[in-house]
Amino acid sequence: MAVCTGAFILGRAGLLGGQAATTTAGANPQLAKLFPKAHVVTDRRYVDSGRILTTGGLSAGIDGALHVVDRDVGRLRAQSVACFIEYEWRADGAGGSGQLATHRMPDLTELLQASASWLRVVDQGDARQWEISGRLEIRTSPDQFLDAAAATAGAQAWAVQSDGAKLRRSFVKTQGGASWRFSLSLDQEAGPGEYRLKMHIQQVPRT
């Protein structure tokens, strides 16, 4: 059993070819890129491919361990252990954080320029939408900041979508068979160079 980024060790050992596997949610794209012969699963806390068992990050290792107890000893014993350690366990492994919409967003660390100072205030959502916002200090003009961020998003295959707002940039992209709309906006705060940055992503309803 490999927990969190332990899946990369299995991959380097040549054990993921043709196998279903998962890792910590933010690293799933990298796992798929490095080991294209593996089937990377993003919506489970653990994946048992029969030959190997991999789990998501941190606490998902508990789910994987309880699955081993369930598989080798029995469901009753696994449920008993989960109850003893006061852990809410889902035997099917559902609920991996990789299905949350935040993982569809462009990489925030790449959007923020090196000279920017950032304090995250809001980071919440679900599988269909997500918002990240906070206080931002920049040395460039807001238009320059947004244009640079838009270029970075464009390099990640986000297509610009004009919406007429001066201090907002909007984009669309199709990922995993679904269309997503992403926006990046600034609102002036009290001091010079101080803004409230808001990033929002939402799945576009199918028509």
C-alpha atoms as a PDB file:
ATOM      1  CA  MET A   1       0.000   0.000   0.000  1.00  0.00           C
ATOM      2  CA  ALA A   2       1.282   3.447  -0.957  1.00  0.00           C
ATOM      3  CA  VAL A   3      -0.038   6.521   0.862  1.00  0.00           C
ATOM      4  CA  CYS A   4      -0.057  10.047  -0.591  1.00  0.00           C
ATOM      5  CA  THR A   5       2.902  10.612  -2.938  1.00  0.00           C
ATOM      6  CA  GLY A   6       4.092   7.067  -2.331  1.00  0.00           C
ATOM      7  CA  ALA A   7       2.377   6.302  -5.639  1.00  0.00           C
ATOM      8  CA  PHE A   8       5.289   8.030  -7.386  1.00  0.00           C
ATOM      9  CA  ILE A   9       7.692   5.530  -5.833  1.00  0.00           C
ATOM     10  CA  LEU A  10       5.587   2.692  -7.221  1.00  0.00           C
ATOM     11  CA  GLY A  11       5.576   4.429 -10.586  1.00  0.00           C
ATOM     12  CA  ARG A  12       9.355   4.774 -10.651  1.00  0.00           C
ATOM     13  CA  ALA A  13       9.579   1.088  -9.767  1.00  0.00           C
ATOM     14  CA  GLY A  14       7.500   0.288 -12.848  1.00  0.00           C
ATOM     15  CA  LEU A  15       4.520  -1.007 -10.883  1.00  0.00           C
ATOM     16  CA  LEU A  16       1.776   1.356 -12.146  1.00  0.00           C
ATOM     17  CA  GLY A  17       1.608   0.263 -15.780  1.00  0.00           C
ATOM     18  CA  GLY A  18      -1.949  -0.816 -16.532  1.00  0.00           C
ATOM     19  CA  GLN A  19      -2.971  -0.237 -12.911  1.00  0.00           C
ATOM     20  CA  ALA A  20      -5.560   2.114 -11.405  1.00  0.00           C
ATOM     21  CA  ALA A  21      -3.937   4.425  -8.869  1.00  0.00           C
ATOM     22  CA  THR A  22      -4.355   7.684  -6.985  1.00  0.00           C
ATOM     23  CA  THR A  23      -2.294  10.098  -4.925  1.00  0.00           C
ATOM     24  CA  THR A  24      -2.806  13.359  -3.038  1.00  0.00           C
ATOM     25  CA  ALA A  25      -5.296  15.426  -5.027  1.00  0.00           C
ATOM     26  CA  GLY A  26      -2.956  18.201  -6.150  1.00  0.00           C
ATOM     27  CA  ALA A  27      -0.442  15.706  -7.516  1.00  0.00           C
ATOM     28  CA  ASN A  28      -2.830  13.591  -9.593  1.00  0.00           C
ATOM     29  CA  PRO A  29      -2.142  15.526 -12.830  1.00  0.00           C
ATOM     30  CA  GLN A  30       1.602  15.053 -12.345  1.00  0.00           C
ATOM     31  CA  LEU A  31       1.098  11.347 -11.640  1.00  0.00           C
ATOM     32  CA  ALA A  32      -0.831  10.980 -14.888  1.00  0.00           C
ATOM     33  CA  LYS A  33       1.829  12.917 -16.800  1.00  0.00           C
ATOM     34  CA  LEU A  34       4.799  10.972 -15.457  1.00  0.00           C
ATOM     35  CA  PHE A  35       3.147   7.556 -15.720  1.00  0.00           C
ATOM     36  CA  PRO A  36       0.791   7.663 -18.729  1.00  0.00           C
ATOM     37  CA  LYS A  37       0.232   3.899 -18.657  1.00  0.00           C
ATOM     38  CA  ALA A  38      -1.455   4.188 -15.250  1.00  0.00           C
ATOM     39  CA  HIS A  39      -5.167   4.915 -14.908  1.00  0.00           C
ATOM     40  CA  VAL A  40      -5.227   7.824 -12.434  1.00  0.00           C
ATOM     41  CA  VAL A  41      -8.400   8.023 -10.336  1.00  0.00           C
ATOM     42  CA  THR A  42      -9.347  11.385  -8.809  1.00  0.00           C
ATOM     43  CA  ASP A  43     -12.654  10.720  -7.041  1.00  0.00           C
ATOM     44  CA  ARG A  44     -11.659   8.020  -4.539  1.00  0.00           C
ATOM     45  CA  ARG A  45      -9.772   8.173  -1.247  1.00  0.00           C
ATOM     46  CA  TYR A  46      -8.123   4.862  -2.065  1.00  0.00           C
ATOM     47  CA  VAL A  47      -7.841   2.611  -5.105  1.00  0.00           C
ATOM     48  CA  ASP A  48      -7.329  -1.151  -4.876  1.00  0.00           C
ATOM     49  CA  SER A  49      -6.233  -2.456  -8.256  1.00  0.00           C
ATOM     50  CA  GLY A  50      -5.803  -5.978  -6.929  1.00  0.00           C
ATOM     51  CA  ARG A  51      -2.043  -5.932  -7.288  1.00  0.00           C
ATOM     52  CA  ILE A  52      -1.402  -2.672  -5.438  1.00  0.00           C
ATOM     53  CA  LEU A  53      -3.345  -0.253  -3.260  1.00  0.00           C
ATOM     54  CA  THR A  54      -2.801   3.502  -3.362  1.00  0.00           C
ATOM     55  CA  THR A  55      -4.452   6.267  -1.344  1.00  0.00           C
ATOM     56  CA  GLY A  56      -4.911  10.017  -1.437  1.00  0.00           C
ATOM     57  CA  GLY A  57      -3.080  12.294   0.931  1.00  0.00           C
ATOM     58  CA  LEU A  58      -2.752  12.213   4.699  1.00  0.00           C
ATOM     59  CA  SER A  59      -5.942  10.862   6.306  1.00  0.00           C
ATOM     60  CA  ALA A  60      -6.850   8.856   3.196  1.00  0.00           C
ATOM     61  CA  GLY A  61      -4.206   6.399   4.361  1.00  0.00           C
ATOM     62  CA  ILE A  62      -6.604   5.498   7.179  1.00  0.00           C
ATOM     63  CA  ASP A  63      -9.276   4.664   4.588  1.00  0.00           C
ATOM     64  CA  GLY A  64      -6.798   2.467   2.748  1.00  0.00           C
ATOM     65  CA  ALA A  65      -5.760   0.659   5.932  1.00  0.00           C
ATOM     66  CA  LEU A  66      -9.387   0.060   6.900  1.00  0.00           C
ATOM     67  CA  HIS A  67     -10.015  -1.310   3.420  1.00  0.00           C
ATOM     68  CA  VAL A  68      -7.208  -3.829   3.937  1.00  0.00           C
ATOM     69  CA  VAL A  69      -8.855  -4.914   7.205  1.00  0.00           C
ATOM     70  CA  ASP A  70     -12.200  -5.124   5.390  1.00  0.00           C
ATOM     71  CA  ARG A  71     -10.719  -7.163   2.540  1.00  0.00           C
ATOM     72  CA  ASP A  72      -8.588  -9.524   4.604  1.00  0.00           C
ATOM     73  CA  VAL A  73     -10.547  -9.860   7.852  1.00  0.00           C
ATOM     74  CA  GLY A  74     -14.079  -8.682   7.160  1.00  0.00           C
ATOM     75  CA  ARG A  75     -16.419  -5.694   7.072  1.00  0.00           C
ATOM     76  CA  LEU A  76     -17.505  -6.098  10.688  1.00  0.00           C
ATOM     77  CA  ARG A  77     -13.934  -5.872  11.971  1.00  0.00           C
ATOM     78  CA  ALA A  78     -13.169  -2.858   9.759  1.00  0.00           C
ATOM     79  CA  GLN A  79     -16.257  -1.041  10.988  1.00  0.00           C
ATOM     80  CA  SER A  80     -15.336  -1.897  14.556  1.00  0.00           C
ATOM     81  CA  VAL A  81     -11.843  -0.427  14.137  1.00  0.00           C
ATOM     82  CA  ALA A  82     -13.266   2.716  12.509  1.00  0.00           C
ATOM     83  CA  CYS A  83     -15.677   3.136  15.398  1.00  0.00           C
ATOM     84  CA  PHE A  84     -12.910   2.595  17.956  1.00  0.00           C
ATOM     85  CA  ILE A  85     -10.716   5.323  16.474  1.00  0.00           C
ATOM     86  CA  GLU A  86     -13.789   7.569  15.964  1.00  0.00           C
ATOM     87  CA  TYR A  87     -13.297   7.740  12.217  1.00  0.00           C
ATOM     88  CA  GLU A  88     -16.112   8.176   9.694  1.00  0.00           C
ATOM     89  CA  TRP A  89     -15.180   5.556   7.114  1.00  0.00           C
ATOM     90  CA  ARG A  90     -16.786   4.993   3.730  1.00  0.00           C
ATOM     91  CA  ALA A  91     -16.126   1.455   2.595  1.00  0.00           C
ATOM     92  CA  ASP A  92     -16.472   2.361  -1.098  1.00  0.00           C
ATOM     93  CA  GLY A  93     -13.631   4.891  -0.837  1.00  0.00           C
ATOM     94  CA  ALA A  94     -15.764   7.673  -2.330  1.00  0.00           C
ATOM     95  CA  GLY A  95     -15.130  11.302  -1.517  1.00  0.00           C
ATOM     96  CA  GLY A  96     -11.630  11.985  -2.761  1.00  0.00           C
ATOM     97  CA  SER A  97     -10.877  15.714  -2.780  1.00  0.00           C
ATOM     98  CA  GLY A  98      -9.630  15.452  -6.351  1.00  0.00           C
ATOM     99  CA  GLN A  99     -13.228  15.896  -7.519  1.00  0.00           C
ATOM    100  CA  LEU A 100     -13.467  19.395  -5.979  1.00  0.00           C
ATOM    101  CA  ALA A 101     -13.610  22.300  -8.412  1.00  0.00           C
ATOM    102  CA  THR A 102     -10.539  23.954  -6.885  1.00  0.00           C
ATOM    103  CA  HIS A 103      -8.409  21.408  -8.749  1.00  0.00           C
ATOM    104  CA  ARG A 104      -9.809  22.711 -12.053  1.00  0.00           C
ATOM    105  CA  MET A 105      -8.422  26.210 -11.419  1.00  0.00           C
ATOM    106  CA  PRO A 106      -5.186  27.524 -12.912  1.00  0.00           C
ATOM    107  CA  ASP A 107      -2.253  27.174 -10.518  1.00  0.00           C
ATOM    108  CA  LEU A 108      -2.438  30.150  -8.140  1.00  0.00           C
ATOM    109  CA  THR A 109       1.301  30.157  -7.471  1.00  0.00           C
ATOM    110  CA  GLU A 110       1.907  30.660 -11.182  1.00  0.00           C
ATOM    111  CA  LEU A 111      -0.719  33.418 -11.525  1.00  0.00           C
ATOM    112  CA  LEU A 112       0.799  35.511  -8.712  1.00  0.00           C
ATOM    113  CA  GLN A 113       3.890  37.428  -9.772  1.00  0.00           C
ATOM    114  CA  ALA A 114       6.976  37.221  -7.575  1.00  0.00           C
ATOM    115  CA  SER A 115       6.609  40.849  -6.431  1.00  0.00           C
ATOM    116  CA  ALA A 116       3.003  40.378  -5.263  1.00  0.00           C
ATOM    117  CA  SER A 117       2.076  40.012  -1.585  1.00  0.00           C
ATOM    118  CA  TRP A 118      -0.929  37.761  -0.993  1.00  0.00           C
ATOM    119  CA  LEU A 119      -3.113  36.904   2.008  1.00  0.00           C
ATOM    120  CA  ARG A 120      -5.798  34.272   1.401  1.00  0.00           C
ATOM    121  CA  VAL A 121      -9.119  34.999   3.158  1.00  0.00           C
ATOM    122  CA  VAL A 122     -11.654  32.729   1.409  1.00  0.00           C
ATOM    123  CA  ASP A 123     -11.050  29.241   0.007  1.00  0.00           C
ATOM    124  CA  GLN A 124     -14.298  27.307  -0.342  1.00  0.00           C
ATOM    125  CA  GLY A 125     -16.665  25.542  -2.716  1.00  0.00           C
ATOM    126  CA  ASP A 126     -17.677  22.097  -3.901  1.00  0.00           C
ATOM    127  CA  ALA A 127     -17.386  19.842  -6.931  1.00  0.00           C
ATOM    128  CA  ARG A 128     -19.072  22.325  -9.291  1.00  0.00           C
ATOM    129  CA  GLN A 129     -17.769  25.707  -8.157  1.00  0.00           C
ATOM    130  CA  TRP A 130     -14.987  27.218  -6.062  1.00  0.00           C
ATOM    131  CA  GLU A 131     -13.913  30.655  -4.862  1.00  0.00           C
ATOM    132  CA  ILE A 132     -10.528  31.850  -3.641  1.00  0.00           C
ATOM    133  CA  SER A 133     -10.189  35.469  -2.558  1.00  0.00           C
ATOM    134  CA  GLY A 134      -7.996  37.608  -0.374  1.00  0.00           C
ATOM    135  CA  ARG A 135      -5.908  40.762  -0.038  1.00  0.00           C
ATOM    136  CA  LEU A 136      -3.302  41.474  -2.673  1.00  0.00           C
ATOM    137  CA  GLU A 137      -0.534  44.081  -2.848  1.00  0.00           C
ATOM    138  CA  ILE A 138       1.108  44.681  -6.220  1.00  0.00           C
ATOM    139  CA  ARG A 139       3.757  47.049  -7.557  1.00  0.00           C
ATOM    140  CA  THR A 140       2.427  47.079 -11.100  1.00  0.00           C
ATOM    141  CA  SER A 141      -0.833  48.549 -12.354  1.00  0.00           C
ATOM    142  CA  PRO A 142      -3.925  46.317 -11.934  1.00  0.00           C
ATOM    143  CA  ASP A 143      -4.243  45.988 -15.720  1.00  0.00           C
ATOM    144  CA  GLN A 144      -0.628  44.838 -15.995  1.00  0.00           C
ATOM    145  CA  PHE A 145      -1.151  42.304 -13.210  1.00  0.00           C
ATOM    146  CA  LEU A 146      -4.315  40.906 -14.799  1.00  0.00           C
ATOM    147  CA  ASP A 147      -2.788  40.788 -18.273  1.00  0.00           C
ATOM    148  CA  ALA A 148       0.232  38.858 -16.964  1.00  0.00           C
ATOM    149  CA  ALA A 149      -2.058  36.461 -15.088  1.00  0.00           C
ATOM    150  CA  ALA A 150      -4.177  36.050 -18.239  1.00  0.00           C
ATOM    151  CA  ALA A 151      -1.073  35.136 -20.237  1.00  0.00           C
ATOM    152  CA  THR A 152      -0.206  32.491 -17.637  1.00  0.00           C
ATOM    153  CA  ALA A 153      -3.743  31.084 -17.754  1.00  0.00           C
ATOM    154  CA  GLY A 154      -3.587  31.068 -21.543  1.00  0.00           C
ATOM    155  CA  ALA A 155      -0.422  28.981 -21.365  1.00  0.00           C
ATOM    156  CA  GLN A 156      -2.474  26.454 -19.378  1.00  0.00           C
ATOM    157  CA  ALA A 157      -4.971  26.193 -22.279  1.00  0.00           C
ATOM    158  CA  TRP A 158      -7.583  28.590 -20.831  1.00  0.00           C
ATOM    159  CA  ALA A 159      -9.296  30.547 -23.646  1.00  0.00           C
ATOM    160  CA  VAL A 160      -9.989  34.236 -22.975  1.00  0.00           C
ATOM    161  CA  GLN A 161     -13.661  35.205 -22.970  1.00  0.00           C
ATOM    162  CA  SER A 162     -14.431  38.937 -23.143  1.00  0.00           C
ATOM    163  CA  ASP A 163     -17.053  40.164 -20.662  1.00  0.00           C
ATOM    164  CA  GLY A 164     -16.461  43.949 -20.810  1.00  0.00           C
ATOM    165  CA  ALA A 165     -15.342  44.352 -17.182  1.00  0.00           C
ATOM    166  CA  LYS A 166     -12.187  46.482 -16.821  1.00  0.00           C
ATOM    167  CA  LEU A 167     -10.610  44.753 -13.820  1.00  0.00           C
ATOM    168  CA  ARG A 168     -11.709  41.216 -14.592  1.00  0.00           C
ATOM    169  CA  ARG A 169     -10.436  38.550 -16.940  1.00  0.00           C
ATOM    170  CA  SER A 170     -12.644  35.602 -17.848  1.00  0.00           C
ATOM    171  CA  PHE A 171     -11.780  32.278 -19.437  1.00  0.00           C
ATOM    172  CA  VAL A 172     -13.312  28.982 -20.540  1.00  0.00           C
ATOM    173  CA  LYS A 173     -11.832  25.519 -20.812  1.00  0.00           C
ATOM    174  CA  THR A 174     -13.011  21.952 -21.291  1.00  0.00           C
ATOM    175  CA  GLN A 175     -11.572  19.473 -18.792  1.00  0.00           C
ATOM    176  CA  GLY A 176     -12.581  15.898 -18.166  1.00  0.00           C
ATOM    177  CA  GLY A 177     -15.532  16.156 -20.535  1.00  0.00           C
ATOM    178  CA  ALA A 178     -16.988  19.231 -18.780  1.00  0.00           C
ATOM    179  CA  SER A 179     -16.784  22.945 -19.602  1.00  0.00           C
ATOM    180  CA  TRP A 180     -15.571  25.384 -16.951  1.00  0.00           C
ATOM    181  CA  ARG A 181     -15.744  29.173 -16.667  1.00  0.00           C
ATOM    182  CA  PHE A 182     -12.980  30.861 -14.674  1.00  0.00           C
ATOM    183  CA  SER A 183     -12.680  34.532 -13.702  1.00  0.00           C
ATOM    184  CA  LEU A 184      -9.976  36.607 -12.051  1.00  0.00           C
ATOM    185  CA  SER A 185     -10.897  40.063 -10.743  1.00  0.00           C
ATOM    186  CA  LEU A 186      -9.536  42.927  -8.646  1.00  0.00           C
ATOM    187  CA  ASP A 187     -11.340  45.448  -6.431  1.00  0.00           C
ATOM    188  CA  GLN A 188      -9.508  48.505  -5.104  1.00  0.00           C
ATOM    189  CA  GLU A 189      -8.822  48.480  -1.358  1.00  0.00           C
ATOM    190  CA  ALA A 190      -7.902  51.419   0.890  1.00  0.00           C
ATOM    191  CA  GLY A 191      -4.183  51.906   0.199  1.00  0.00           C
ATOM    192  CA  PRO A 192      -2.244  52.370  -3.049  1.00  0.00           C
ATOM    193  CA  GLY A 193      -1.459  49.086  -4.715  1.00  0.00           C
ATOM    194  CA  GLU A 194      -3.876  47.240  -2.406  1.00  0.00           C
ATOM    195  CA  TYR A 195      -6.636  45.147  -3.944  1.00  0.00           C
ATOM    196  CA  ARG A 196      -9.036  42.365  -3.180  1.00  0.00           C
ATOM    197  CA  LEU A 197      -8.308  39.505  -5.539  1.00  0.00           C
ATOM    198  CA  LYS A 198     -11.093  37.077  -6.339  1.00  0.00           C
ATOM    199  CA  MET A 199     -10.801  33.905  -8.392  1.00  0.00           C
ATOM    200  CA  HIS A 200     -13.923  31.932  -9.179  1.00  0.00           C
ATOM    201  CA  ILE A 201     -14.503  28.802 -11.205  1.00  0.00           C
ATOM    202  CA  GLN A 202     -17.828  27.236 -12.110  1.00  0.00           C
ATOM    203  CA  GLN A 203     -18.888  24.311 -14.212  1.00  0.00           C
ATOM    204  CA  VAL A 204     -20.928  25.412 -17.211  1.00  0.00           C
ATOM    205  CA  PRO A 205     -24.325  23.650 -17.256  1.00  0.00           C
ATOM    206  CA  ARG A 206     -24.907  21.433 -20.247  1.00  0.00           C
ATOM    207  CA  THR A 207     -27.636  22.594 -22.600  1.00  0.00           C
END
